[in-house]
Amino acid sequence: MTEIAEKALAVEDSPKRQQILDGARKMFMTKGFDAASMQDVARAAGVSKGTLYVYFDSKEAMFQALVMGECSRLQAVIRQMASGTGAVSDELHAIARQMLQTLLQTEVMRAMRMVIGTGEKFPELARTVYQAGPMRSARTLAEYLTKRVERGDLQIDNCEAASSEFIDLVLSGQQRRGLLMMPPLPDDALEEYITRRVGLFLKGYSA
């Protein structure tokens, strides 16, 4: 690893950087992305404005880092759950449940509303969020589906397309409820919903 790369990695892993991101999350959630200033973030994080700019050159960069962190955690969990050693229906059910539990959190819903609300003003930010979230999650799931096809558990011609279909099948209705301030489904109803959606997917793609 080069000296420049080592320095970049040290910045990425810095506790100070995480401290700043914690402050940014607090400000974005309470004041909104547009209203929160860099000075607000510095104050919430307990650092000087100069220190803030050592790690991030803009609010957009901070928001992008927050989104990337959450998405990376979700994708790591999906990879861990999608070992390919259990029944495909059970693993898809577990993946669907984890996606819903993660993406329907109040904080995540607030962030999604912020992205939608500022999308026209900050189109690059909206595109970055889409690429870091739905696109990366779809690729991660496509890798799992490909393994299952190779094992003969599923019959899919285009795993990337099927992956996007699964995510839309599971998320779209529940995410729309959350974005429009509707209460989440009770646990038993959510489990029934997941079972039905996974069943529809497998009906089309079971070997």
N, C-alpha and C. Protein backbone atom coordinates (compact mmCIF):
# COMPACT_ATOMS: atom_id res chain seq x y z
N MET A 1 0.85 -1.20 0.00
CA MET A 1 0.00 0.00 0.00
C MET A 1 0.88 1.24 0.00
N THR A 2 0.51 2.23 -0.86
CA THR A 2 1.30 3.45 -0.94
C THR A 2 1.06 4.31 0.29
N GLU A 3 1.96 5.30 0.48
CA GLU A 3 1.82 6.21 1.62
C GLU A 3 0.53 7.01 1.52
N ILE A 4 0.18 7.43 0.29
CA ILE A 4 -1.06 8.19 0.10
C ILE A 4 -2.27 7.34 0.45
N ALA A 5 -2.27 6.09 0.01
CA ALA A 5 -3.38 5.19 0.30
C ALA A 5 -3.51 4.94 1.80
N GLU A 6 -2.36 4.79 2.47
CA GLU A 6 -2.38 4.56 3.91
C GLU A 6 -2.98 5.76 4.64
N LYS A 7 -2.62 6.97 4.20
CA LYS A 7 -3.17 8.17 4.82
C LYS A 7 -4.67 8.26 4.58
N ALA A 8 -5.10 7.92 3.36
CA ALA A 8 -6.53 7.96 3.05
C ALA A 8 -7.30 6.97 3.91
N LEU A 9 -6.73 5.77 4.10
CA LEU A 9 -7.38 4.76 4.93
C LEU A 9 -7.46 5.22 6.37
N ALA A 10 -6.41 5.88 6.85
CA ALA A 10 -6.41 6.37 8.23
C ALA A 10 -7.51 7.41 8.44
N VAL A 11 -7.72 8.26 7.43
CA VAL A 11 -8.79 9.24 7.52
C VAL A 11 -10.15 8.55 7.53
N GLU A 12 -10.32 7.53 6.66
CA GLU A 12 -11.59 6.81 6.59
C GLU A 12 -11.93 6.14 7.91
N ASP A 13 -10.91 5.61 8.60
CA ASP A 13 -11.12 4.86 9.83
C ASP A 13 -11.04 5.73 11.08
N SER A 14 -10.86 7.02 10.90
CA SER A 14 -10.62 7.91 12.03
C SER A 14 -11.84 8.03 12.94
N PRO A 15 -11.64 7.90 14.27
CA PRO A 15 -12.75 8.16 15.22
C PRO A 15 -13.28 9.58 15.09
N LYS A 16 -12.41 10.52 14.75
CA LYS A 16 -12.85 11.91 14.57
C LYS A 16 -13.83 12.02 13.41
N ARG A 17 -13.56 11.29 12.35
CA ARG A 17 -14.47 11.29 11.20
C ARG A 17 -15.84 10.76 11.60
N GLN A 18 -15.86 9.68 12.39
CA GLN A 18 -17.12 9.13 12.84
C GLN A 18 -17.84 10.11 13.77
N GLN A 19 -17.08 10.82 14.57
CA GLN A 19 -17.65 11.84 15.45
C GLN A 19 -18.36 12.92 14.63
N ILE A 20 -17.72 13.32 13.54
CA ILE A 20 -18.31 14.32 12.66
C ILE A 20 -19.58 13.78 12.00
N LEU A 21 -19.52 12.52 11.55
CA LEU A 21 -20.70 11.93 10.92
C LEU A 21 -21.86 11.81 11.90
N ASP A 22 -21.57 11.50 13.16
CA ASP A 22 -22.62 11.44 14.17
C ASP A 22 -23.28 12.80 14.33
N GLY A 23 -22.46 13.85 14.33
CA GLY A 23 -22.99 15.21 14.42
C GLY A 23 -23.81 15.57 13.18
N ALA A 24 -23.33 15.17 12.02
CA ALA A 24 -24.05 15.45 10.78
C ALA A 24 -25.39 14.73 10.77
N ARG A 25 -25.41 13.48 11.20
CA ARG A 25 -26.67 12.73 11.25
C ARG A 25 -27.67 13.44 12.15
N LYS A 26 -27.22 13.89 13.30
CA LYS A 26 -28.10 14.58 14.24
C LYS A 26 -28.67 15.85 13.62
N MET A 27 -27.85 16.64 12.98
CA MET A 27 -28.31 17.88 12.37
C MET A 27 -29.24 17.64 11.19
N PHE A 28 -28.90 16.68 10.33
CA PHE A 28 -29.74 16.39 9.18
C PHE A 28 -31.13 15.92 9.61
N MET A 29 -31.15 15.12 10.68
CA MET A 29 -32.42 14.57 11.15
C MET A 29 -33.28 15.63 11.84
N THR A 30 -32.65 16.59 12.52
CA THR A 30 -33.41 17.58 13.28
C THR A 30 -33.75 18.83 12.46
N LYS A 31 -32.80 19.29 11.63
CA LYS A 31 -33.01 20.53 10.89
C LYS A 31 -33.33 20.31 9.42
N GLY A 32 -33.02 19.11 8.92
CA GLY A 32 -33.17 18.87 7.49
C GLY A 32 -31.87 19.16 6.77
N PHE A 33 -31.67 18.50 5.65
CA PHE A 33 -30.41 18.64 4.92
C PHE A 33 -30.19 20.08 4.45
N ASP A 34 -31.22 20.69 3.89
CA ASP A 34 -31.08 22.02 3.32
C ASP A 34 -30.77 23.07 4.40
N ALA A 35 -31.45 22.96 5.54
CA ALA A 35 -31.31 23.98 6.59
C ALA A 35 -30.05 23.83 7.43
N ALA A 36 -29.54 22.63 7.55
CA ALA A 36 -28.35 22.40 8.37
C ALA A 36 -27.12 22.99 7.69
N SER A 37 -26.35 23.76 8.43
CA SER A 37 -25.14 24.36 7.89
C SER A 37 -23.91 23.57 8.35
N MET A 38 -22.78 23.84 7.73
CA MET A 38 -21.53 23.20 8.15
C MET A 38 -21.21 23.62 9.59
N GLN A 39 -21.53 24.86 9.95
CA GLN A 39 -21.29 25.32 11.31
C GLN A 39 -22.17 24.55 12.30
N ASP A 40 -23.42 24.27 11.92
CA ASP A 40 -24.31 23.46 12.76
C ASP A 40 -23.70 22.08 13.01
N VAL A 41 -23.20 21.48 11.95
CA VAL A 41 -22.60 20.15 12.06
C VAL A 41 -21.37 20.20 12.97
N ALA A 42 -20.52 21.20 12.77
CA ALA A 42 -19.31 21.33 13.59
C ALA A 42 -19.69 21.46 15.06
N ARG A 43 -20.71 22.26 15.35
CA ARG A 43 -21.15 22.47 16.73
C ARG A 43 -21.70 21.15 17.32
N ALA A 44 -22.52 20.45 16.55
CA ALA A 44 -23.10 19.19 17.03
C ALA A 44 -22.04 18.12 17.24
N ALA A 45 -20.99 18.15 16.40
CA ALA A 45 -19.93 17.15 16.50
C ALA A 45 -18.88 17.52 17.54
N GLY A 46 -18.90 18.77 18.01
CA GLY A 46 -17.91 19.20 19.00
C GLY A 46 -16.54 19.40 18.41
N VAL A 47 -16.49 19.88 17.15
CA VAL A 47 -15.20 20.14 16.50
C VAL A 47 -15.25 21.54 15.89
N SER A 48 -14.10 22.04 15.50
CA SER A 48 -14.06 23.33 14.83
C SER A 48 -14.47 23.16 13.37
N LYS A 49 -14.87 24.25 12.76
CA LYS A 49 -15.25 24.19 11.35
C LYS A 49 -14.05 23.81 10.48
N GLY A 50 -12.86 24.24 10.91
CA GLY A 50 -11.66 23.88 10.17
C GLY A 50 -11.42 22.38 10.19
N THR A 51 -11.64 21.76 11.36
CA THR A 51 -11.49 20.30 11.47
C THR A 51 -12.48 19.59 10.57
N LEU A 52 -13.69 20.15 10.49
CA LEU A 52 -14.73 19.56 9.65
C LEU A 52 -14.24 19.43 8.20
N TYR A 53 -13.59 20.49 7.72
CA TYR A 53 -13.17 20.51 6.32
C TYR A 53 -11.94 19.63 6.05
N VAL A 54 -11.28 19.18 7.11
CA VAL A 54 -10.19 18.22 6.91
C VAL A 54 -10.75 16.91 6.38
N TYR A 55 -11.97 16.57 6.83
CA TYR A 55 -12.56 15.28 6.49
C TYR A 55 -13.61 15.37 5.38
N PHE A 56 -14.34 16.48 5.33
CA PHE A 56 -15.42 16.60 4.35
C PHE A 56 -15.43 18.02 3.78
N ASP A 57 -15.57 18.12 2.47
CA ASP A 57 -15.56 19.45 1.85
C ASP A 57 -16.95 20.02 1.64
N SER A 58 -18.00 19.25 1.99
CA SER A 58 -19.35 19.74 1.78
C SER A 58 -20.35 18.91 2.57
N LYS A 59 -21.57 19.43 2.70
CA LYS A 59 -22.66 18.66 3.32
C LYS A 59 -22.98 17.43 2.48
N GLU A 60 -22.91 17.59 1.16
CA GLU A 60 -23.21 16.47 0.28
C GLU A 60 -22.26 15.30 0.54
N ALA A 61 -20.98 15.62 0.76
CA ALA A 61 -19.99 14.56 1.03
C ALA A 61 -20.29 13.85 2.34
N MET A 62 -20.74 14.60 3.35
CA MET A 62 -21.09 13.98 4.63
C MET A 62 -22.32 13.08 4.48
N PHE A 63 -23.32 13.57 3.78
CA PHE A 63 -24.53 12.78 3.59
C PHE A 63 -24.22 11.52 2.79
N GLN A 64 -23.38 11.65 1.77
CA GLN A 64 -22.98 10.49 0.98
C GLN A 64 -22.27 9.47 1.85
N ALA A 65 -21.40 9.93 2.74
CA ALA A 65 -20.68 9.01 3.63
C ALA A 65 -21.64 8.29 4.56
N LEU A 66 -22.64 8.99 5.07
CA LEU A 66 -23.64 8.36 5.94
C LEU A 66 -24.41 7.28 5.19
N VAL A 67 -24.83 7.60 3.97
CA VAL A 67 -25.58 6.63 3.17
C VAL A 67 -24.72 5.41 2.84
N MET A 68 -23.48 5.66 2.43
CA MET A 68 -22.59 4.56 2.07
C MET A 68 -22.36 3.64 3.26
N GLY A 69 -22.22 4.22 4.46
CA GLY A 69 -22.01 3.41 5.65
C GLY A 69 -23.19 2.51 5.93
N GLU A 70 -24.41 3.06 5.87
CA GLU A 70 -25.61 2.27 6.13
C GLU A 70 -25.78 1.18 5.07
N CYS A 71 -25.58 1.54 3.81
CA CYS A 71 -25.74 0.57 2.73
C CYS A 71 -24.71 -0.55 2.82
N SER A 72 -23.49 -0.21 3.17
CA SER A 72 -22.44 -1.23 3.30
C SER A 72 -22.78 -2.22 4.40
N ARG A 73 -23.33 -1.71 5.50
CA ARG A 73 -23.72 -2.61 6.58
C ARG A 73 -24.83 -3.56 6.14
N LEU A 74 -25.82 -3.03 5.43
CA LEU A 74 -26.91 -3.88 4.95
C LEU A 74 -26.39 -4.93 3.99
N GLN A 75 -25.52 -4.55 3.06
CA GLN A 75 -25.02 -5.50 2.08
C GLN A 75 -24.14 -6.56 2.73
N ALA A 76 -23.40 -6.18 3.77
CA ALA A 76 -22.58 -7.16 4.50
C ALA A 76 -23.48 -8.18 5.19
N VAL A 77 -24.60 -7.71 5.76
CA VAL A 77 -25.54 -8.62 6.42
C VAL A 77 -26.17 -9.56 5.39
N ILE A 78 -26.52 -9.02 4.23
CA ILE A 78 -27.11 -9.86 3.18
C ILE A 78 -26.14 -10.95 2.77
N ARG A 79 -24.87 -10.58 2.59
CA ARG A 79 -23.87 -11.59 2.21
C ARG A 79 -23.72 -12.66 3.29
N GLN A 80 -23.76 -12.25 4.54
CA GLN A 80 -23.63 -13.18 5.64
C GLN A 80 -24.82 -14.14 5.70
N MET A 81 -26.01 -13.61 5.49
CA MET A 81 -27.22 -14.43 5.55
C MET A 81 -27.35 -15.33 4.33
N ALA A 82 -26.90 -14.84 3.19
CA ALA A 82 -27.05 -15.57 1.94
C ALA A 82 -25.86 -16.52 1.73
N SER A 83 -25.71 -17.44 2.63
CA SER A 83 -24.56 -18.35 2.56
C SER A 83 -24.73 -19.38 1.45
N GLY A 84 -25.97 -19.65 1.06
CA GLY A 84 -26.21 -20.65 0.03
C GLY A 84 -26.23 -22.07 0.58
N THR A 85 -26.22 -22.22 1.90
CA THR A 85 -26.19 -23.56 2.50
C THR A 85 -27.56 -23.99 3.00
N GLY A 86 -28.47 -23.04 3.17
CA GLY A 86 -29.81 -23.38 3.65
C GLY A 86 -30.81 -23.45 2.51
N ALA A 87 -32.07 -23.66 2.85
CA ALA A 87 -33.13 -23.68 1.85
C ALA A 87 -33.24 -22.28 1.23
N VAL A 88 -33.37 -22.23 -0.09
CA VAL A 88 -33.40 -20.94 -0.77
C VAL A 88 -34.58 -20.09 -0.28
N SER A 89 -35.73 -20.71 -0.01
CA SER A 89 -36.88 -19.95 0.47
C SER A 89 -36.61 -19.33 1.83
N ASP A 90 -35.92 -20.07 2.71
CA ASP A 90 -35.60 -19.54 4.03
C ASP A 90 -34.62 -18.38 3.94
N GLU A 91 -33.61 -18.53 3.08
CA GLU A 91 -32.61 -17.47 2.97
C GLU A 91 -33.20 -16.22 2.32
N LEU A 92 -34.03 -16.38 1.32
CA LEU A 92 -34.67 -15.21 0.70
C LEU A 92 -35.62 -14.53 1.68
N HIS A 93 -36.29 -15.32 2.51
CA HIS A 93 -37.17 -14.76 3.54
C HIS A 93 -36.35 -13.94 4.53
N ALA A 94 -35.21 -14.47 4.95
CA ALA A 94 -34.35 -13.77 5.91
C ALA A 94 -33.79 -12.48 5.29
N ILE A 95 -33.40 -12.54 4.02
CA ILE A 95 -32.88 -11.36 3.33
C ILE A 95 -33.96 -10.29 3.25
N ALA A 96 -35.17 -10.70 2.86
CA ALA A 96 -36.28 -9.75 2.75
C ALA A 96 -36.58 -9.10 4.08
N ARG A 97 -36.60 -9.90 5.14
CA ARG A 97 -36.88 -9.35 6.46
C ARG A 97 -35.82 -8.34 6.88
N GLN A 98 -34.55 -8.66 6.63
CA GLN A 98 -33.46 -7.75 7.00
C GLN A 98 -33.55 -6.45 6.22
N MET A 99 -33.86 -6.54 4.95
CA MET A 99 -34.00 -5.34 4.12
C MET A 99 -35.10 -4.43 4.67
N LEU A 100 -36.23 -5.02 5.00
CA LEU A 100 -37.35 -4.23 5.51
C LEU A 100 -37.04 -3.64 6.88
N GLN A 101 -36.45 -4.45 7.76
CA GLN A 101 -36.12 -3.95 9.09
C GLN A 101 -35.13 -2.79 9.03
N THR A 102 -34.20 -2.87 8.09
CA THR A 102 -33.18 -1.82 7.97
C THR A 102 -33.74 -0.57 7.30
N LEU A 103 -34.44 -0.75 6.19
CA LEU A 103 -34.82 0.38 5.36
C LEU A 103 -36.10 1.07 5.81
N LEU A 104 -36.87 0.44 6.70
CA LEU A 104 -38.09 1.07 7.20
C LEU A 104 -37.89 1.75 8.54
N GLN A 105 -36.64 1.80 9.02
CA GLN A 105 -36.38 2.52 10.25
C GLN A 105 -36.75 4.00 10.08
N THR A 106 -37.20 4.60 11.17
CA THR A 106 -37.63 6.00 11.12
C THR A 106 -36.54 6.90 10.58
N GLU A 107 -35.31 6.69 11.02
CA GLU A 107 -34.19 7.53 10.58
C GLU A 107 -33.94 7.38 9.09
N VAL A 108 -34.04 6.15 8.60
CA VAL A 108 -33.82 5.91 7.17
C VAL A 108 -34.93 6.56 6.34
N MET A 109 -36.16 6.46 6.83
CA MET A 109 -37.28 7.09 6.13
C MET A 109 -37.10 8.61 6.06
N ARG A 110 -36.64 9.20 7.14
CA ARG A 110 -36.39 10.64 7.14
C ARG A 110 -35.32 11.00 6.11
N ALA A 111 -34.28 10.17 6.04
CA ALA A 111 -33.21 10.43 5.08
C ALA A 111 -33.73 10.32 3.65
N MET A 112 -34.58 9.32 3.41
CA MET A 112 -35.15 9.16 2.07
C MET A 112 -35.99 10.37 1.68
N ARG A 113 -36.78 10.87 2.63
CA ARG A 113 -37.58 12.06 2.34
C ARG A 113 -36.69 13.26 2.03
N MET A 114 -35.56 13.35 2.75
CA MET A 114 -34.63 14.44 2.49
C MET A 114 -34.06 14.35 1.08
N VAL A 115 -33.71 13.14 0.67
CA VAL A 115 -33.15 12.95 -0.68
C VAL A 115 -34.18 13.34 -1.73
N ILE A 116 -35.41 12.89 -1.54
CA ILE A 116 -36.47 13.22 -2.48
C ILE A 116 -36.73 14.72 -2.50
N GLY A 117 -36.75 15.34 -1.32
CA GLY A 117 -37.04 16.76 -1.22
C GLY A 117 -35.96 17.64 -1.82
N THR A 118 -34.72 17.17 -1.80
CA THR A 118 -33.61 18.00 -2.31
C THR A 118 -33.10 17.49 -3.66
N GLY A 119 -33.79 16.49 -4.23
CA GLY A 119 -33.31 15.86 -5.45
C GLY A 119 -33.12 16.82 -6.62
N GLU A 120 -34.06 17.75 -6.81
CA GLU A 120 -33.94 18.67 -7.93
C GLU A 120 -32.80 19.67 -7.71
N LYS A 121 -32.58 20.06 -6.47
CA LYS A 121 -31.52 21.01 -6.17
C LYS A 121 -30.15 20.35 -6.16
N PHE A 122 -30.11 19.08 -5.70
CA PHE A 122 -28.85 18.34 -5.63
C PHE A 122 -28.99 17.01 -6.37
N PRO A 123 -29.12 17.03 -7.69
CA PRO A 123 -29.34 15.78 -8.44
C PRO A 123 -28.20 14.78 -8.31
N GLU A 124 -26.97 15.28 -8.21
CA GLU A 124 -25.84 14.36 -8.07
C GLU A 124 -25.92 13.59 -6.75
N LEU A 125 -26.36 14.27 -5.70
CA LEU A 125 -26.53 13.60 -4.41
C LEU A 125 -27.58 12.50 -4.51
N ALA A 126 -28.70 12.80 -5.16
CA ALA A 126 -29.76 11.80 -5.32
C ALA A 126 -29.26 10.60 -6.11
N ARG A 127 -28.50 10.85 -7.17
CA ARG A 127 -27.96 9.75 -7.97
C ARG A 127 -26.96 8.92 -7.17
N THR A 128 -26.16 9.60 -6.36
CA THR A 128 -25.18 8.88 -5.54
C THR A 128 -25.87 7.97 -4.54
N VAL A 129 -26.94 8.46 -3.92
CA VAL A 129 -27.70 7.66 -2.96
C VAL A 129 -28.28 6.43 -3.66
N TYR A 130 -28.81 6.63 -4.86
CA TYR A 130 -29.38 5.50 -5.60
C TYR A 130 -28.31 4.46 -5.94
N GLN A 131 -27.14 4.94 -6.38
CA GLN A 131 -26.06 4.02 -6.74
C GLN A 131 -25.52 3.28 -5.53
N ALA A 132 -25.45 3.97 -4.39
CA ALA A 132 -24.90 3.35 -3.19
C ALA A 132 -25.89 2.40 -2.54
N GLY A 133 -27.19 2.69 -2.71
CA GLY A 133 -28.21 1.88 -2.06
C GLY A 133 -28.80 0.82 -2.96
N PRO A 134 -29.88 1.15 -3.70
CA PRO A 134 -30.55 0.14 -4.52
C PRO A 134 -29.65 -0.57 -5.52
N MET A 135 -28.78 0.15 -6.21
CA MET A 135 -27.94 -0.49 -7.22
C MET A 135 -26.96 -1.49 -6.60
N ARG A 136 -26.30 -1.08 -5.50
CA ARG A 136 -25.33 -1.99 -4.86
C ARG A 136 -26.04 -3.17 -4.22
N SER A 137 -27.19 -2.94 -3.62
CA SER A 137 -27.94 -4.03 -3.01
C SER A 137 -28.38 -5.03 -4.08
N ALA A 138 -28.81 -4.52 -5.23
CA ALA A 138 -29.23 -5.40 -6.32
C ALA A 138 -28.06 -6.24 -6.81
N ARG A 139 -26.87 -5.66 -6.90
CA ARG A 139 -25.70 -6.43 -7.33
C ARG A 139 -25.34 -7.51 -6.31
N THR A 140 -25.42 -7.15 -5.03
CA THR A 140 -25.12 -8.12 -3.98
C THR A 140 -26.08 -9.30 -4.04
N LEU A 141 -27.36 -9.00 -4.20
CA LEU A 141 -28.36 -10.07 -4.28
C LEU A 141 -28.20 -10.88 -5.56
N ALA A 142 -27.81 -10.21 -6.65
CA ALA A 142 -27.60 -10.93 -7.91
C ALA A 142 -26.49 -11.96 -7.78
N GLU A 143 -25.45 -11.63 -7.01
CA GLU A 143 -24.37 -12.60 -6.77
C GLU A 143 -24.91 -13.85 -6.08
N TYR A 144 -25.79 -13.64 -5.12
CA TYR A 144 -26.39 -14.77 -4.41
C TYR A 144 -27.26 -15.61 -5.35
N LEU A 145 -28.10 -14.94 -6.14
CA LEU A 145 -28.98 -15.66 -7.06
C LEU A 145 -28.16 -16.46 -8.08
N THR A 146 -27.04 -15.89 -8.52
CA THR A 146 -26.18 -16.59 -9.47
C THR A 146 -25.66 -17.89 -8.88
N LYS A 147 -25.26 -17.84 -7.61
CA LYS A 147 -24.79 -19.07 -6.94
C LYS A 147 -25.90 -20.11 -6.88
N ARG A 148 -27.10 -19.67 -6.60
CA ARG A 148 -28.23 -20.59 -6.51
C ARG A 148 -28.59 -21.19 -7.88
N VAL A 149 -28.42 -20.40 -8.92
CA VAL A 149 -28.65 -20.92 -10.27
C VAL A 149 -27.60 -21.98 -10.60
N GLU A 150 -26.36 -21.70 -10.25
CA GLU A 150 -25.27 -22.65 -10.52
C GLU A 150 -25.47 -23.95 -9.77
N ARG A 151 -26.11 -23.88 -8.60
CA ARG A 151 -26.38 -25.10 -7.81
C ARG A 151 -27.63 -25.82 -8.27
N GLY A 152 -28.39 -25.20 -9.17
CA GLY A 152 -29.60 -25.82 -9.68
C GLY A 152 -30.83 -25.56 -8.84
N ASP A 153 -30.74 -24.62 -7.88
CA ASP A 153 -31.89 -24.33 -7.02
C ASP A 153 -32.87 -23.37 -7.68
N LEU A 154 -32.37 -22.54 -8.60
CA LEU A 154 -33.21 -21.56 -9.28
C LEU A 154 -32.94 -21.62 -10.77
N GLN A 155 -33.91 -21.16 -11.55
CA GLN A 155 -33.76 -21.12 -13.00
C GLN A 155 -34.01 -19.67 -13.43
N ILE A 156 -32.91 -18.94 -13.62
CA ILE A 156 -32.99 -17.51 -13.93
C ILE A 156 -32.04 -17.21 -15.08
N ASP A 157 -32.55 -16.55 -16.10
CA ASP A 157 -31.72 -16.17 -17.25
C ASP A 157 -30.90 -14.92 -16.96
N ASN A 158 -31.47 -13.97 -16.23
CA ASN A 158 -30.81 -12.70 -15.95
C ASN A 158 -30.91 -12.43 -14.45
N CYS A 159 -29.84 -12.75 -13.72
CA CYS A 159 -29.88 -12.62 -12.26
C CYS A 159 -29.93 -11.17 -11.80
N GLU A 160 -29.33 -10.27 -12.57
CA GLU A 160 -29.38 -8.86 -12.19
C GLU A 160 -30.81 -8.32 -12.29
N ALA A 161 -31.51 -8.69 -13.35
CA ALA A 161 -32.90 -8.26 -13.50
C ALA A 161 -33.77 -8.88 -12.43
N ALA A 162 -33.56 -10.17 -12.16
CA ALA A 162 -34.35 -10.86 -11.14
C ALA A 162 -34.10 -10.27 -9.76
N SER A 163 -32.86 -9.87 -9.51
CA SER A 163 -32.52 -9.25 -8.23
C SER A 163 -33.30 -7.96 -8.02
N SER A 164 -33.34 -7.12 -9.05
CA SER A 164 -34.10 -5.87 -8.95
C SER A 164 -35.59 -6.15 -8.77
N GLU A 165 -36.08 -7.18 -9.43
CA GLU A 165 -37.48 -7.55 -9.28
C GLU A 165 -37.79 -7.96 -7.84
N PHE A 166 -36.89 -8.73 -7.24
CA PHE A 166 -37.09 -9.18 -5.86
C PHE A 166 -37.13 -7.98 -4.91
N ILE A 167 -36.19 -7.07 -5.08
CA ILE A 167 -36.13 -5.89 -4.21
C ILE A 167 -37.39 -5.05 -4.35
N ASP A 168 -37.85 -4.84 -5.59
CA ASP A 168 -39.08 -4.07 -5.80
C ASP A 168 -40.29 -4.80 -5.22
N LEU A 169 -40.32 -6.10 -5.40
CA LEU A 169 -41.42 -6.92 -4.89
C LEU A 169 -41.54 -6.82 -3.38
N VAL A 170 -40.40 -6.81 -2.71
CA VAL A 170 -40.38 -6.79 -1.25
C VAL A 170 -40.55 -5.37 -0.70
N LEU A 171 -39.85 -4.41 -1.30
CA LEU A 171 -39.73 -3.09 -0.69
C LEU A 171 -40.79 -2.08 -1.09
N SER A 172 -41.19 -2.09 -2.36
CA SER A 172 -41.91 -0.93 -2.90
C SER A 172 -43.14 -0.55 -2.09
N GLY A 173 -44.02 -1.50 -1.80
CA GLY A 173 -45.24 -1.17 -1.08
C GLY A 173 -44.99 -0.69 0.33
N GLN A 174 -44.10 -1.36 1.05
CA GLN A 174 -43.83 -0.99 2.44
C GLN A 174 -43.04 0.32 2.54
N GLN A 175 -42.13 0.53 1.60
CA GLN A 175 -41.38 1.78 1.60
C GLN A 175 -42.29 2.96 1.29
N ARG A 176 -43.24 2.74 0.39
CA ARG A 176 -44.20 3.80 0.07
C ARG A 176 -45.04 4.16 1.29
N ARG A 177 -45.46 3.13 2.05
CA ARG A 177 -46.19 3.39 3.29
C ARG A 177 -45.37 4.27 4.24
N GLY A 178 -44.10 3.93 4.40
CA GLY A 178 -43.25 4.67 5.31
C GLY A 178 -43.01 6.10 4.86
N LEU A 179 -42.78 6.28 3.56
CA LEU A 179 -42.52 7.62 3.04
C LEU A 179 -43.73 8.54 3.21
N LEU A 180 -44.92 7.95 3.16
CA LEU A 180 -46.15 8.73 3.28
C LEU A 180 -46.69 8.71 4.71
N MET A 181 -45.82 8.42 5.68
CA MET A 181 -46.13 8.56 7.09
C MET A 181 -47.16 7.57 7.61
N MET A 182 -47.38 6.46 6.91
CA MET A 182 -48.28 5.42 7.39
C MET A 182 -47.55 4.54 8.40
N PRO A 183 -48.24 4.03 9.41
CA PRO A 183 -47.57 3.18 10.40
C PRO A 183 -47.14 1.86 9.76
N PRO A 184 -46.06 1.26 10.25
CA PRO A 184 -45.61 -0.03 9.69
C PRO A 184 -46.59 -1.14 10.02
N LEU A 185 -46.53 -2.21 9.26
CA LEU A 185 -47.38 -3.37 9.53
C LEU A 185 -46.97 -4.02 10.86
N PRO A 186 -47.92 -4.60 11.59
CA PRO A 186 -47.56 -5.39 12.77
C PRO A 186 -46.66 -6.55 12.36
N ASP A 187 -45.90 -7.07 13.32
CA ASP A 187 -44.92 -8.12 13.01
C ASP A 187 -45.53 -9.32 12.30
N ASP A 188 -46.68 -9.79 12.79
CA ASP A 188 -47.28 -10.98 12.18
C ASP A 188 -47.74 -10.70 10.75
N ALA A 189 -48.28 -9.51 10.52
CA ALA A 189 -48.71 -9.15 9.17
C ALA A 189 -47.50 -8.97 8.25
N LEU A 190 -46.40 -8.44 8.79
CA LEU A 190 -45.19 -8.25 7.99
C LEU A 190 -44.60 -9.59 7.59
N GLU A 191 -44.61 -10.56 8.51
CA GLU A 191 -44.09 -11.90 8.18
C GLU A 191 -44.94 -12.55 7.10
N GLU A 192 -46.25 -12.37 7.19
CA GLU A 192 -47.14 -12.92 6.16
C GLU A 192 -46.88 -12.25 4.81
N TYR A 193 -46.65 -10.95 4.86
CA TYR A 193 -46.33 -10.19 3.65
C TYR A 193 -45.04 -10.72 3.01
N ILE A 194 -44.01 -10.92 3.82
CA ILE A 194 -42.72 -11.41 3.30
C ILE A 194 -42.89 -12.79 2.70
N THR A 195 -43.59 -13.67 3.40
CA THR A 195 -43.80 -15.03 2.91
C THR A 195 -44.51 -15.02 1.56
N ARG A 196 -45.50 -14.16 1.42
CA ARG A 196 -46.25 -14.08 0.17
C ARG A 196 -45.36 -13.56 -0.96
N ARG A 197 -44.56 -12.53 -0.68
CA ARG A 197 -43.69 -11.96 -1.71
C ARG A 197 -42.59 -12.94 -2.14
N VAL A 198 -41.98 -13.61 -1.18
CA VAL A 198 -40.95 -14.61 -1.53
C VAL A 198 -41.57 -15.74 -2.34
N GLY A 199 -42.79 -16.14 -1.96
CA GLY A 199 -43.49 -17.19 -2.70
C GLY A 199 -43.75 -16.80 -4.14
N LEU A 200 -44.13 -15.54 -4.37
CA LEU A 200 -44.36 -15.07 -5.73
C LEU A 200 -43.07 -15.10 -6.55
N PHE A 201 -41.98 -14.71 -5.92
CA PHE A 201 -40.69 -14.71 -6.61
C PHE A 201 -40.29 -16.14 -6.99
N LEU A 202 -40.40 -17.04 -6.03
CA LEU A 202 -40.00 -18.44 -6.27
C LEU A 202 -40.92 -19.12 -7.28
N LYS A 203 -42.18 -18.70 -7.33
CA LYS A 203 -43.10 -19.27 -8.31
C LYS A 203 -42.61 -19.02 -9.72
N GLY A 204 -41.97 -17.89 -9.92
CA GLY A 204 -41.47 -17.56 -11.25
C GLY A 204 -40.09 -18.12 -11.56
N TYR A 205 -39.30 -18.39 -10.50
CA TYR A 205 -37.90 -18.73 -10.75
C TYR A 205 -37.41 -20.04 -10.13
N SER A 206 -38.28 -20.80 -9.49
CA SER A 206 -37.82 -22.09 -8.95
C SER A 206 -37.43 -23.02 -10.08
N ALA A 207 -36.40 -23.82 -9.83
CA ALA A 207 -35.92 -24.74 -10.88
C ALA A 207 -36.96 -25.81 -11.11
